[in-house]
mmCIF file of all heavy atoms, coordinates in Angstrom:
data_MODEL
# 
_entry.id   MODEL 
# 
loop_
_atom_site.group_PDB 
_atom_site.id 
_atom_site.type_symbol 
_atom_site.label_atom_id 
_atom_site.label_alt_id 
_atom_site.label_comp_id 
_atom_site.label_asym_id 
_atom_site.label_entity_id 
_atom_site.label_seq_id 
_atom_site.pdbx_PDB_ins_code 
_atom_site.Cartn_x 
_atom_site.Cartn_y 
_atom_site.Cartn_z 
_atom_site.occupancy 
_atom_site.B_iso_or_equiv 
_atom_site.pdbx_formal_charge 
_atom_site.auth_seq_id 
_atom_site.auth_comp_id 
_atom_site.auth_asym_id 
_atom_site.auth_atom_id 
_atom_site.pdbx_PDB_model_num 
ATOM 1   N N   . VAL A 1 1  ? 17.412 317.638 82.405 1.00 0.00 ? 1  VAL A N   1 
ATOM 2   C CA  . VAL A 1 1  ? 15.970 317.775 82.598 1.00 0.00 ? 1  VAL A CA  1 
ATOM 3   C C   . VAL A 1 1  ? 15.481 317.090 83.732 1.00 0.00 ? 1  VAL A C   1 
ATOM 4   O O   . VAL A 1 1  ? 15.858 315.995 84.169 1.00 0.00 ? 1  VAL A O   1 
ATOM 5   C CB  . VAL A 1 1  ? 15.281 317.029 81.349 1.00 0.00 ? 1  VAL A CB  1 
ATOM 6   C CG1 . VAL A 1 1  ? 13.784 316.997 81.406 1.00 0.00 ? 1  VAL A CG1 1 
ATOM 7   C CG2 . VAL A 1 1  ? 15.703 317.766 80.006 1.00 0.00 ? 1  VAL A CG2 1 
ATOM 8   N N   . PRO A 1 2  ? 14.806 317.855 84.646 1.00 0.00 ? 2  PRO A N   1 
ATOM 9   C CA  . PRO A 1 2  ? 14.339 317.297 85.973 1.00 0.00 ? 2  PRO A CA  1 
ATOM 10  C C   . PRO A 1 2  ? 13.092 316.347 85.890 1.00 0.00 ? 2  PRO A C   1 
ATOM 11  O O   . PRO A 1 2  ? 12.701 315.997 84.726 1.00 0.00 ? 2  PRO A O   1 
ATOM 12  C CB  . PRO A 1 2  ? 13.859 318.483 86.679 1.00 0.00 ? 2  PRO A CB  1 
ATOM 13  C CG  . PRO A 1 2  ? 13.390 319.481 85.727 1.00 0.00 ? 2  PRO A CG  1 
ATOM 14  C CD  . PRO A 1 2  ? 14.244 319.286 84.416 1.00 0.00 ? 2  PRO A CD  1 
ATOM 15  N N   . VAL A 1 3  ? 12.614 315.772 86.956 1.00 0.00 ? 3  VAL A N   1 
ATOM 16  C CA  . VAL A 1 3  ? 11.613 314.860 87.139 1.00 0.00 ? 3  VAL A CA  1 
ATOM 17  C C   . VAL A 1 3  ? 11.899 313.509 86.591 1.00 0.00 ? 3  VAL A C   1 
ATOM 18  O O   . VAL A 1 3  ? 12.041 312.565 87.400 1.00 0.00 ? 3  VAL A O   1 
ATOM 19  C CB  . VAL A 1 3  ? 10.290 315.468 86.555 1.00 0.00 ? 3  VAL A CB  1 
ATOM 20  C CG1 . VAL A 1 3  ? 9.049  314.530 86.814 1.00 0.00 ? 3  VAL A CG1 1 
ATOM 21  C CG2 . VAL A 1 3  ? 9.894  316.835 87.042 1.00 0.00 ? 3  VAL A CG2 1 
ATOM 22  N N   . ASN A 1 4  ? 11.935 313.358 85.283 1.00 0.00 ? 4  ASN A N   1 
ATOM 23  C CA  . ASN A 1 4  ? 12.229 311.979 84.842 1.00 0.00 ? 4  ASN A CA  1 
ATOM 24  C C   . ASN A 1 4  ? 13.379 311.953 83.697 1.00 0.00 ? 4  ASN A C   1 
ATOM 25  O O   . ASN A 1 4  ? 13.696 310.903 83.168 1.00 0.00 ? 4  ASN A O   1 
ATOM 26  C CB  . ASN A 1 4  ? 11.038 311.299 84.229 1.00 0.00 ? 4  ASN A CB  1 
ATOM 27  C CG  . ASN A 1 4  ? 10.373 311.988 83.166 1.00 0.00 ? 4  ASN A CG  1 
ATOM 28  O OD1 . ASN A 1 4  ? 10.779 312.945 82.658 1.00 0.00 ? 4  ASN A OD1 1 
ATOM 29  N ND2 . ASN A 1 4  ? 9.335  311.392 82.560 1.00 0.00 ? 4  ASN A ND2 1 
ATOM 30  N N   . GLY A 1 5  ? 13.699 313.166 83.306 1.00 0.00 ? 5  GLY A N   1 
ATOM 31  C CA  . GLY A 1 5  ? 14.990 313.272 82.276 1.00 0.00 ? 5  GLY A CA  1 
ATOM 32  C C   . GLY A 1 5  ? 14.460 313.268 80.899 1.00 0.00 ? 5  GLY A C   1 
ATOM 33  O O   . GLY A 1 5  ? 15.378 313.262 79.961 1.00 0.00 ? 5  GLY A O   1 
ATOM 34  N N   . VAL A 1 6  ? 13.238 313.084 80.530 1.00 0.00 ? 6  VAL A N   1 
ATOM 35  C CA  . VAL A 1 6  ? 12.839 312.675 79.205 1.00 0.00 ? 6  VAL A CA  1 
ATOM 36  C C   . VAL A 1 6  ? 12.752 313.884 78.449 1.00 0.00 ? 6  VAL A C   1 
ATOM 37  O O   . VAL A 1 6  ? 12.081 315.072 78.679 1.00 0.00 ? 6  VAL A O   1 
ATOM 38  C CB  . VAL A 1 6  ? 11.585 312.076 79.216 1.00 0.00 ? 6  VAL A CB  1 
ATOM 39  C CG1 . VAL A 1 6  ? 10.960 311.870 77.780 1.00 0.00 ? 6  VAL A CG1 1 
ATOM 40  C CG2 . VAL A 1 6  ? 11.536 310.729 79.946 1.00 0.00 ? 6  VAL A CG2 1 
ATOM 41  N N   . VAL A 1 7  ? 13.306 313.956 77.176 1.00 0.00 ? 7  VAL A N   1 
ATOM 42  C CA  . VAL A 1 7  ? 13.391 315.000 76.131 1.00 0.00 ? 7  VAL A CA  1 
ATOM 43  C C   . VAL A 1 7  ? 12.331 314.715 75.113 1.00 0.00 ? 7  VAL A C   1 
ATOM 44  O O   . VAL A 1 7  ? 11.535 315.680 74.689 1.00 0.00 ? 7  VAL A O   1 
ATOM 45  C CB  . VAL A 1 7  ? 14.711 315.243 75.503 1.00 0.00 ? 7  VAL A CB  1 
ATOM 46  C CG1 . VAL A 1 7  ? 14.609 316.370 74.454 1.00 0.00 ? 7  VAL A CG1 1 
ATOM 47  C CG2 . VAL A 1 7  ? 15.819 315.646 76.522 1.00 0.00 ? 7  VAL A CG2 1 
ATOM 48  N N   . ARG A 1 8  ? 12.177 313.509 74.702 1.00 0.00 ? 8  ARG A N   1 
ATOM 49  C CA  . ARG A 1 8  ? 11.303 313.152 73.644 1.00 0.00 ? 8  ARG A CA  1 
ATOM 50  C C   . ARG A 1 8  ? 10.940 311.731 73.698 1.00 0.00 ? 8  ARG A C   1 
ATOM 51  O O   . ARG A 1 8  ? 11.797 310.857 74.211 1.00 0.00 ? 8  ARG A O   1 
ATOM 52  C CB  . ARG A 1 8  ? 11.926 313.408 72.186 1.00 0.00 ? 8  ARG A CB  1 
ATOM 53  C CG  . ARG A 1 8  ? 11.020 313.015 71.085 1.00 0.00 ? 8  ARG A CG  1 
ATOM 54  C CD  . ARG A 1 8  ? 11.748 313.300 69.732 1.00 0.00 ? 8  ARG A CD  1 
ATOM 55  N NE  . ARG A 1 8  ? 10.928 312.889 68.509 1.00 0.00 ? 8  ARG A NE  1 
ATOM 56  C CZ  . ARG A 1 8  ? 11.356 312.104 67.624 1.00 0.00 ? 8  ARG A CZ  1 
ATOM 57  N NH1 . ARG A 1 8  ? 12.548 311.538 67.636 1.00 0.00 ? 8  ARG A NH1 1 
ATOM 58  N NH2 . ARG A 1 8  ? 10.496 311.696 66.662 1.00 0.00 ? 8  ARG A NH2 1 
ATOM 59  N N   . THR A 1 9  ? 9.737  311.307 73.457 1.00 0.00 ? 9  THR A N   1 
ATOM 60  C CA  . THR A 1 9  ? 9.296  309.882 73.368 1.00 0.00 ? 9  THR A CA  1 
ATOM 61  C C   . THR A 1 9  ? 8.494  309.735 72.137 1.00 0.00 ? 9  THR A C   1 
ATOM 62  O O   . THR A 1 9  ? 7.699  310.489 71.785 1.00 0.00 ? 9  THR A O   1 
ATOM 63  C CB  . THR A 1 9  ? 8.336  309.505 74.513 1.00 0.00 ? 9  THR A CB  1 
ATOM 64  O OG1 . THR A 1 9  ? 9.247  309.678 75.764 1.00 0.00 ? 9  THR A OG1 1 
ATOM 65  C CG2 . THR A 1 9  ? 7.887  308.106 74.548 1.00 0.00 ? 9  THR A CG2 1 
ATOM 66  N N   . LEU A 1 10 ? 8.695  308.624 71.359 1.00 0.00 ? 10 LEU A N   1 
ATOM 67  C CA  . LEU A 1 10 ? 8.018  308.292 70.115 1.00 0.00 ? 10 LEU A CA  1 
ATOM 68  C C   . LEU A 1 10 ? 7.573  306.747 70.327 1.00 0.00 ? 10 LEU A C   1 
ATOM 69  O O   . LEU A 1 10 ? 8.482  305.879 70.559 1.00 0.00 ? 10 LEU A O   1 
ATOM 70  C CB  . LEU A 1 10 ? 8.929  308.451 68.990 1.00 0.00 ? 10 LEU A CB  1 
ATOM 71  C CG  . LEU A 1 10 ? 8.343  308.111 67.562 1.00 0.00 ? 10 LEU A CG  1 
ATOM 72  C CD1 . LEU A 1 10 ? 7.108  309.134 67.265 1.00 0.00 ? 10 LEU A CD1 1 
ATOM 73  C CD2 . LEU A 1 10 ? 9.442  308.285 66.457 1.00 0.00 ? 10 LEU A CD2 1 
ATOM 74  N N   . SER A 1 11 ? 6.354  306.575 70.130 1.00 0.00 ? 11 SER A N   1 
ATOM 75  C CA  . SER A 1 11 ? 5.824  305.124 70.159 1.00 0.00 ? 11 SER A CA  1 
ATOM 76  C C   . SER A 1 11 ? 6.326  304.432 68.947 1.00 0.00 ? 11 SER A C   1 
ATOM 77  O O   . SER A 1 11 ? 6.569  304.958 67.903 1.00 0.00 ? 11 SER A O   1 
ATOM 78  C CB  . SER A 1 11 ? 4.273  305.176 70.169 1.00 0.00 ? 11 SER A CB  1 
ATOM 79  O OG  . SER A 1 11 ? 3.752  305.764 69.060 1.00 0.00 ? 11 SER A OG  1 
ATOM 80  N N   . ASP A 1 12 ? 6.322  303.063 69.091 1.00 0.00 ? 12 ASP A N   1 
ATOM 81  C CA  . ASP A 1 12 ? 6.932  302.090 68.022 1.00 0.00 ? 12 ASP A CA  1 
ATOM 82  C C   . ASP A 1 12 ? 6.048  302.341 66.804 1.00 0.00 ? 12 ASP A C   1 
ATOM 83  O O   . ASP A 1 12 ? 6.541  302.201 65.677 1.00 0.00 ? 12 ASP A O   1 
ATOM 84  C CB  . ASP A 1 12 ? 7.065  300.810 68.518 1.00 0.00 ? 12 ASP A CB  1 
ATOM 85  C CG  . ASP A 1 12 ? 8.293  300.572 69.374 1.00 0.00 ? 12 ASP A CG  1 
ATOM 86  O OD1 . ASP A 1 12 ? 9.047  301.533 69.661 1.00 0.00 ? 12 ASP A OD1 1 
ATOM 87  O OD2 . ASP A 1 12 ? 8.607  299.390 69.788 1.00 0.00 ? 12 ASP A OD2 1 
ATOM 88  N N   . ASP A 1 13 ? 4.776  302.606 66.927 1.00 0.00 ? 13 ASP A N   1 
ATOM 89  C CA  . ASP A 1 13 ? 3.841  302.590 65.758 1.00 0.00 ? 13 ASP A CA  1 
ATOM 90  C C   . ASP A 1 13 ? 3.816  304.063 65.252 1.00 0.00 ? 13 ASP A C   1 
ATOM 91  O O   . ASP A 1 13 ? 3.015  304.328 64.302 1.00 0.00 ? 13 ASP A O   1 
ATOM 92  C CB  . ASP A 1 13 ? 2.490  302.196 66.163 1.00 0.00 ? 13 ASP A CB  1 
ATOM 93  C CG  . ASP A 1 13 ? 1.816  302.993 67.232 1.00 0.00 ? 13 ASP A CG  1 
ATOM 94  O OD1 . ASP A 1 13 ? 2.351  304.043 67.658 1.00 0.00 ? 13 ASP A OD1 1 
ATOM 95  O OD2 . ASP A 1 13 ? 0.755  302.555 67.755 1.00 0.00 ? 13 ASP A OD2 1 
ATOM 96  N N   . LYS A 1 14 ? 4.573  304.961 65.793 1.00 0.00 ? 14 LYS A N   1 
ATOM 97  C CA  . LYS A 1 14 ? 4.618  306.283 65.358 1.00 0.00 ? 14 LYS A CA  1 
ATOM 98  C C   . LYS A 1 14 ? 3.350  307.151 65.540 1.00 0.00 ? 14 LYS A C   1 
ATOM 99  O O   . LYS A 1 14 ? 3.227  308.223 64.974 1.00 0.00 ? 14 LYS A O   1 
ATOM 100 C CB  . LYS A 1 14 ? 5.091  306.351 63.878 1.00 0.00 ? 14 LYS A CB  1 
ATOM 101 C CG  . LYS A 1 14 ? 6.378  305.700 63.560 1.00 0.00 ? 14 LYS A CG  1 
ATOM 102 C CD  . LYS A 1 14 ? 7.653  306.278 64.285 1.00 0.00 ? 14 LYS A CD  1 
ATOM 103 C CE  . LYS A 1 14 ? 8.831  305.687 63.691 1.00 0.00 ? 14 LYS A CE  1 
ATOM 104 N NZ  . LYS A 1 14 ? 9.228  304.095 64.100 1.00 0.00 ? 14 LYS A NZ  1 
ATOM 105 N N   . LYS A 1 15 ? 2.471  306.686 66.225 1.00 0.00 ? 15 LYS A N   1 
ATOM 106 C CA  . LYS A 1 15 ? 1.206  307.308 66.366 1.00 0.00 ? 15 LYS A CA  1 
ATOM 107 C C   . LYS A 1 15 ? 1.192  308.285 67.523 1.00 0.00 ? 15 LYS A C   1 
ATOM 108 O O   . LYS A 1 15 ? 0.339  309.329 67.535 1.00 0.00 ? 15 LYS A O   1 
ATOM 109 C CB  . LYS A 1 15 ? 0.001  306.342 66.560 1.00 0.00 ? 15 LYS A CB  1 
ATOM 110 C CG  . LYS A 1 15 ? -0.200 305.488 65.323 1.00 0.00 ? 15 LYS A CG  1 
ATOM 111 C CD  . LYS A 1 15 ? -1.475 304.474 65.582 1.00 0.00 ? 15 LYS A CD  1 
ATOM 112 C CE  . LYS A 1 15 ? -1.753 303.647 64.269 1.00 0.00 ? 15 LYS A CE  1 
ATOM 113 N NZ  . LYS A 1 15 ? -2.896 302.735 64.672 1.00 0.00 ? 15 LYS A NZ  1 
ATOM 114 N N   . ASN A 1 16 ? 1.982  308.194 68.517 1.00 0.00 ? 16 ASN A N   1 
ATOM 115 C CA  . ASN A 1 16 ? 2.121  308.988 69.774 1.00 0.00 ? 16 ASN A CA  1 
ATOM 116 C C   . ASN A 1 16 ? 3.441  309.578 69.908 1.00 0.00 ? 16 ASN A C   1 
ATOM 117 O O   . ASN A 1 16 ? 4.388  308.757 69.916 1.00 0.00 ? 16 ASN A O   1 
ATOM 118 C CB  . ASN A 1 16 ? 1.574  308.222 70.942 1.00 0.00 ? 16 ASN A CB  1 
ATOM 119 C CG  . ASN A 1 16 ? 0.165  307.796 70.811 1.00 0.00 ? 16 ASN A CG  1 
ATOM 120 O OD1 . ASN A 1 16 ? -0.714 308.543 71.133 1.00 0.00 ? 16 ASN A OD1 1 
ATOM 121 N ND2 . ASN A 1 16 ? -0.040 306.624 70.361 1.00 0.00 ? 16 ASN A ND2 1 
ATOM 122 N N   . GLU A 1 17 ? 3.589  310.808 70.098 1.00 0.00 ? 17 GLU A N   1 
ATOM 123 C CA  . GLU A 1 17 ? 4.870  311.511 70.287 1.00 0.00 ? 17 GLU A CA  1 
ATOM 124 C C   . GLU A 1 17 ? 4.741  312.659 71.605 1.00 0.00 ? 17 GLU A C   1 
ATOM 125 O O   . GLU A 1 17 ? 3.604  313.198 71.501 1.00 0.00 ? 17 GLU A O   1 
ATOM 126 C CB  . GLU A 1 17 ? 5.411  312.108 69.108 1.00 0.00 ? 17 GLU A CB  1 
ATOM 127 C CG  . GLU A 1 17 ? 6.810  312.777 69.206 1.00 0.00 ? 17 GLU A CG  1 
ATOM 128 C CD  . GLU A 1 17 ? 7.300  313.458 68.008 1.00 0.00 ? 17 GLU A CD  1 
ATOM 129 O OE1 . GLU A 1 17 ? 6.351  313.551 66.996 1.00 0.00 ? 17 GLU A OE1 1 
ATOM 130 O OE2 . GLU A 1 17 ? 8.424  313.827 67.989 1.00 0.00 ? 17 GLU A OE2 1 
ATOM 131 N N   . THR A 1 18 ? 5.684  312.602 72.294 1.00 0.00 ? 18 THR A N   1 
ATOM 132 C CA  . THR A 1 18 ? 5.760  313.528 73.388 1.00 0.00 ? 18 THR A CA  1 
ATOM 133 C C   . THR A 1 18 ? 7.018  314.319 73.276 1.00 0.00 ? 18 THR A C   1 
ATOM 134 O O   . THR A 1 18 ? 8.193  313.826 73.173 1.00 0.00 ? 18 THR A O   1 
ATOM 135 C CB  . THR A 1 18 ? 5.685  312.962 74.764 1.00 0.00 ? 18 THR A CB  1 
ATOM 136 O OG1 . THR A 1 18 ? 4.447  312.236 74.935 1.00 0.00 ? 18 THR A OG1 1 
ATOM 137 C CG2 . THR A 1 18 ? 5.780  313.965 75.898 1.00 0.00 ? 18 THR A CG2 1 
ATOM 138 N N   . VAL A 1 19 ? 7.044  315.728 73.278 1.00 0.00 ? 19 VAL A N   1 
ATOM 139 C CA  . VAL A 1 19 ? 8.171  316.626 73.119 1.00 0.00 ? 19 VAL A CA  1 
ATOM 140 C C   . VAL A 1 19 ? 8.319  317.439 74.345 1.00 0.00 ? 19 VAL A C   1 
ATOM 141 O O   . VAL A 1 19 ? 7.261  317.894 74.764 1.00 0.00 ? 19 VAL A O   1 
ATOM 142 C CB  . VAL A 1 19 ? 8.113  317.250 71.802 1.00 0.00 ? 19 VAL A CB  1 
ATOM 143 C CG1 . VAL A 1 19 ? 8.335  316.253 70.676 1.00 0.00 ? 19 VAL A CG1 1 
ATOM 144 C CG2 . VAL A 1 19 ? 6.950  318.171 71.683 1.00 0.00 ? 19 VAL A CG2 1 
ATOM 145 N N   . LEU A 1 20 ? 9.413  317.763 74.804 1.00 0.00 ? 20 LEU A N   1 
ATOM 146 C CA  . LEU A 1 20 ? 9.622  318.593 75.971 1.00 0.00 ? 20 LEU A CA  1 
ATOM 147 C C   . LEU A 1 20 ? 9.467  320.131 75.458 1.00 0.00 ? 20 LEU A C   1 
ATOM 148 O O   . LEU A 1 20 ? 10.154 320.469 74.521 1.00 0.00 ? 20 LEU A O   1 
ATOM 149 C CB  . LEU A 1 20 ? 11.037 318.480 76.468 1.00 0.00 ? 20 LEU A CB  1 
ATOM 150 C CG  . LEU A 1 20 ? 11.275 319.175 77.795 1.00 0.00 ? 20 LEU A CG  1 
ATOM 151 C CD1 . LEU A 1 20 ? 10.468 318.716 78.902 1.00 0.00 ? 20 LEU A CD1 1 
ATOM 152 C CD2 . LEU A 1 20 ? 12.841 319.079 78.029 1.00 0.00 ? 20 LEU A CD2 1 
ATOM 153 N N   . LEU A 1 21 ? 8.516  320.747 75.971 1.00 0.00 ? 21 LEU A N   1 
ATOM 154 C CA  . LEU A 1 21 ? 8.341  322.188 75.736 1.00 0.00 ? 21 LEU A CA  1 
ATOM 155 C C   . LEU A 1 21 ? 9.163  323.154 76.690 1.00 0.00 ? 21 LEU A C   1 
ATOM 156 O O   . LEU A 1 21 ? 9.600  324.228 76.107 1.00 0.00 ? 21 LEU A O   1 
ATOM 157 C CB  . LEU A 1 21 ? 6.807  322.527 75.856 1.00 0.00 ? 21 LEU A CB  1 
ATOM 158 C CG  . LEU A 1 21 ? 5.798  321.799 74.921 1.00 0.00 ? 21 LEU A CG  1 
ATOM 159 C CD1 . LEU A 1 21 ? 4.469  322.207 75.281 1.00 0.00 ? 21 LEU A CD1 1 
ATOM 160 C CD2 . LEU A 1 21 ? 6.195  321.782 73.499 1.00 0.00 ? 21 LEU A CD2 1 
ATOM 161 N N   . ASP A 1 22 ? 9.157  322.772 77.831 1.00 0.00 ? 22 ASP A N   1 
ATOM 162 C CA  . ASP A 1 22 ? 9.912  323.686 78.813 1.00 0.00 ? 22 ASP A CA  1 
ATOM 163 C C   . ASP A 1 22 ? 10.105 322.856 80.017 1.00 0.00 ? 22 ASP A C   1 
ATOM 164 O O   . ASP A 1 22 ? 9.600  321.878 80.434 1.00 0.00 ? 22 ASP A O   1 
ATOM 165 C CB  . ASP A 1 22 ? 9.127  324.886 79.125 1.00 0.00 ? 22 ASP A CB  1 
ATOM 166 C CG  . ASP A 1 22 ? 10.032 326.053 79.607 1.00 0.00 ? 22 ASP A CG  1 
ATOM 167 O OD1 . ASP A 1 22 ? 11.321 325.827 79.843 1.00 0.00 ? 22 ASP A OD1 1 
ATOM 168 O OD2 . ASP A 1 22 ? 9.424  327.037 79.895 1.00 0.00 ? 22 ASP A OD2 1 
ATOM 169 N N   . PHE A 1 23 ? 11.063 323.226 80.902 1.00 0.00 ? 23 PHE A N   1 
ATOM 170 C CA  . PHE A 1 23 ? 11.249 322.756 82.205 1.00 0.00 ? 23 PHE A CA  1 
ATOM 171 C C   . PHE A 1 23 ? 11.909 323.806 83.231 1.00 0.00 ? 23 PHE A C   1 
ATOM 172 O O   . PHE A 1 23 ? 12.378 324.913 82.683 1.00 0.00 ? 23 PHE A O   1 
ATOM 173 C CB  . PHE A 1 23 ? 12.134 321.414 82.220 1.00 0.00 ? 23 PHE A CB  1 
ATOM 174 C CG  . PHE A 1 23 ? 13.525 321.748 81.798 1.00 0.00 ? 23 PHE A CG  1 
ATOM 175 C CD1 . PHE A 1 23 ? 14.575 322.056 82.620 1.00 0.00 ? 23 PHE A CD1 1 
ATOM 176 C CD2 . PHE A 1 23 ? 13.828 321.611 80.392 1.00 0.00 ? 23 PHE A CD2 1 
ATOM 177 C CE1 . PHE A 1 23 ? 15.879 322.302 82.139 1.00 0.00 ? 23 PHE A CE1 1 
ATOM 178 C CE2 . PHE A 1 23 ? 15.223 321.743 79.894 1.00 0.00 ? 23 PHE A CE2 1 
ATOM 179 C CZ  . PHE A 1 23 ? 16.167 322.113 80.845 1.00 0.00 ? 23 PHE A CZ  1 
ATOM 180 N N   . GLY A 1 24 ? 11.836 323.524 84.472 1.00 0.00 ? 24 GLY A N   1 
ATOM 181 C CA  . GLY A 1 24 ? 12.453 324.427 85.475 1.00 0.00 ? 24 GLY A CA  1 
ATOM 182 C C   . GLY A 1 24 ? 12.471 323.904 86.804 1.00 0.00 ? 24 GLY A C   1 
ATOM 183 O O   . GLY A 1 24 ? 12.042 322.807 87.106 1.00 0.00 ? 24 GLY A O   1 
ATOM 184 N N   . PHE A 1 25 ? 12.810 324.916 87.799 1.00 0.00 ? 25 PHE A N   1 
ATOM 185 C CA  . PHE A 1 25 ? 13.148 324.449 89.096 1.00 0.00 ? 25 PHE A CA  1 
ATOM 186 C C   . PHE A 1 25 ? 12.344 325.337 90.123 1.00 0.00 ? 25 PHE A C   1 
ATOM 187 O O   . PHE A 1 25 ? 12.744 325.156 91.403 1.00 0.00 ? 25 PHE A O   1 
ATOM 188 C CB  . PHE A 1 25 ? 14.619 324.515 89.343 1.00 0.00 ? 25 PHE A CB  1 
ATOM 189 C CG  . PHE A 1 25 ? 15.332 323.581 88.268 1.00 0.00 ? 25 PHE A CG  1 
ATOM 190 C CD1 . PHE A 1 25 ? 15.885 324.145 87.089 1.00 0.00 ? 25 PHE A CD1 1 
ATOM 191 C CD2 . PHE A 1 25 ? 15.470 322.210 88.424 1.00 0.00 ? 25 PHE A CD2 1 
ATOM 192 C CE1 . PHE A 1 25 ? 16.381 323.402 86.155 1.00 0.00 ? 25 PHE A CE1 1 
ATOM 193 C CE2 . PHE A 1 25 ? 16.169 321.596 87.468 1.00 0.00 ? 25 PHE A CE2 1 
ATOM 194 C CZ  . PHE A 1 25 ? 16.709 322.082 86.356 1.00 0.00 ? 25 PHE A CZ  1 
ATOM 195 N N   . ASN A 1 26 ? 11.412 326.095 89.711 1.00 0.00 ? 26 ASN A N   1 
ATOM 196 C CA  . ASN A 1 26 ? 10.828 327.018 90.634 1.00 0.00 ? 26 ASN A CA  1 
ATOM 197 C C   . ASN A 1 26 ? 9.319  327.008 90.427 1.00 0.00 ? 26 ASN A C   1 
ATOM 198 O O   . ASN A 1 26 ? 8.603  328.014 90.502 1.00 0.00 ? 26 ASN A O   1 
ATOM 199 C CB  . ASN A 1 26 ? 11.343 328.509 90.570 1.00 0.00 ? 26 ASN A CB  1 
ATOM 200 C CG  . ASN A 1 26 ? 11.257 328.861 89.228 1.00 0.00 ? 26 ASN A CG  1 
ATOM 201 O OD1 . ASN A 1 26 ? 10.816 328.365 88.171 1.00 0.00 ? 26 ASN A OD1 1 
ATOM 202 N ND2 . ASN A 1 26 ? 11.535 330.241 89.033 1.00 0.00 ? 26 ASN A ND2 1 
# 
């Protein structure tokens, strides 16, 4: 995964989540 390598992030309180939808190089 480019830019920062993150696939998923989940806050400790479980209220906020970020998931990778797509990535690319062009």
